[in-house]
Amino acid sequence: MNVVYVFSENDKVYVKNSTCSEPHNQTSTIHEEWFPINFQWKSLMDLRKNMRLQNVDESY
């Protein structure tokens, strides 16, 4: 099972990448890095408008 951890802070969204090092003396080290996700939010009105425009284009 894959688990994705995401959090937001100051209008930015981050996803966690965890790696586990090789066991050494029966212990392993977990290294975590948080990476920013780059995307833009689209309003519902913009999405509907784009869908209507696509439907008009396809009808020609």
Protein backbone atom coordinates (compact mmCIF):
# COMPACT_ATOMS: atom_id res chain seq x y z
CA MET A 1 0.00 0.00 0.00
CA ASN A 2 1.36 3.41 -0.97
CA VAL A 3 0.68 6.33 1.31
CA VAL A 4 1.13 9.92 0.21
CA TYR A 5 1.62 12.63 2.80
CA VAL A 6 0.71 16.17 1.81
CA PHE A 7 0.53 19.40 3.79
CA SER A 8 0.06 23.06 3.03
CA GLU A 9 1.63 26.13 4.53
CA ASN A 10 1.55 29.77 3.42
CA ASP A 11 -0.42 29.02 0.24
CA LYS A 12 2.05 26.30 -0.80
CA VAL A 13 1.48 22.54 -0.95
CA TYR A 14 4.15 19.95 -0.19
CA VAL A 15 4.42 16.18 -0.65
CA LYS A 16 6.68 13.97 1.46
CA ASN A 17 9.28 11.60 0.06
CA SER A 18 10.55 9.08 2.62
CA THR A 19 13.53 6.84 2.10
CA CYS A 20 14.92 4.20 4.38
CA SER A 21 18.64 3.52 4.57
CA GLU A 22 20.15 0.07 4.76
CA PRO A 23 19.91 -1.51 8.19
CA HIS A 24 23.05 -0.99 10.23
CA ASN A 25 23.36 -2.81 13.55
CA GLN A 26 19.67 -3.74 13.34
CA THR A 27 18.60 -0.11 12.98
CA SER A 28 17.65 1.79 9.86
CA THR A 29 17.52 5.50 9.27
CA ILE A 30 14.47 7.09 7.71
CA HIS A 31 15.17 10.23 5.71
CA GLU A 32 12.23 12.51 4.93
CA GLU A 33 12.16 15.29 2.36
CA TRP A 34 9.25 17.60 1.59
CA PHE A 35 8.92 18.78 -2.00
CA PRO A 36 6.70 21.63 -3.24
CA ILE A 37 3.92 20.77 -5.65
CA ASN A 38 3.49 23.23 -8.49
CA PHE A 39 -0.05 23.55 -9.76
CA GLN A 40 -2.71 26.15 -10.22
CA TRP A 41 -6.20 26.10 -8.82
CA LYS A 42 -8.98 26.62 -11.33
CA SER A 43 -12.26 27.98 -10.19
CA LEU A 44 -15.38 25.95 -10.88
CA MET A 45 -16.68 28.77 -13.07
CA ASP A 46 -13.52 28.66 -15.21
CA LEU A 47 -13.81 24.90 -15.60
CA ARG A 48 -17.44 25.14 -16.69
CA LYS A 49 -16.60 27.91 -19.14
CA ASN A 50 -13.78 25.81 -20.66
CA MET A 51 -16.07 22.80 -20.96
CA ARG A 52 -18.70 24.87 -22.77
CA LEU A 53 -16.06 26.22 -25.16
CA GLN A 54 -14.78 22.72 -25.87
CA ASN A 55 -18.30 21.50 -26.59
CA VAL A 56 -18.87 24.36 -29.02
CA ASP A 57 -15.56 23.62 -30.79
CA GLU A 58 -16.44 19.93 -31.15
CA SER A 59 -19.82 20.66 -32.68
CA TYR A 60 -18.25 22.35 -35.72
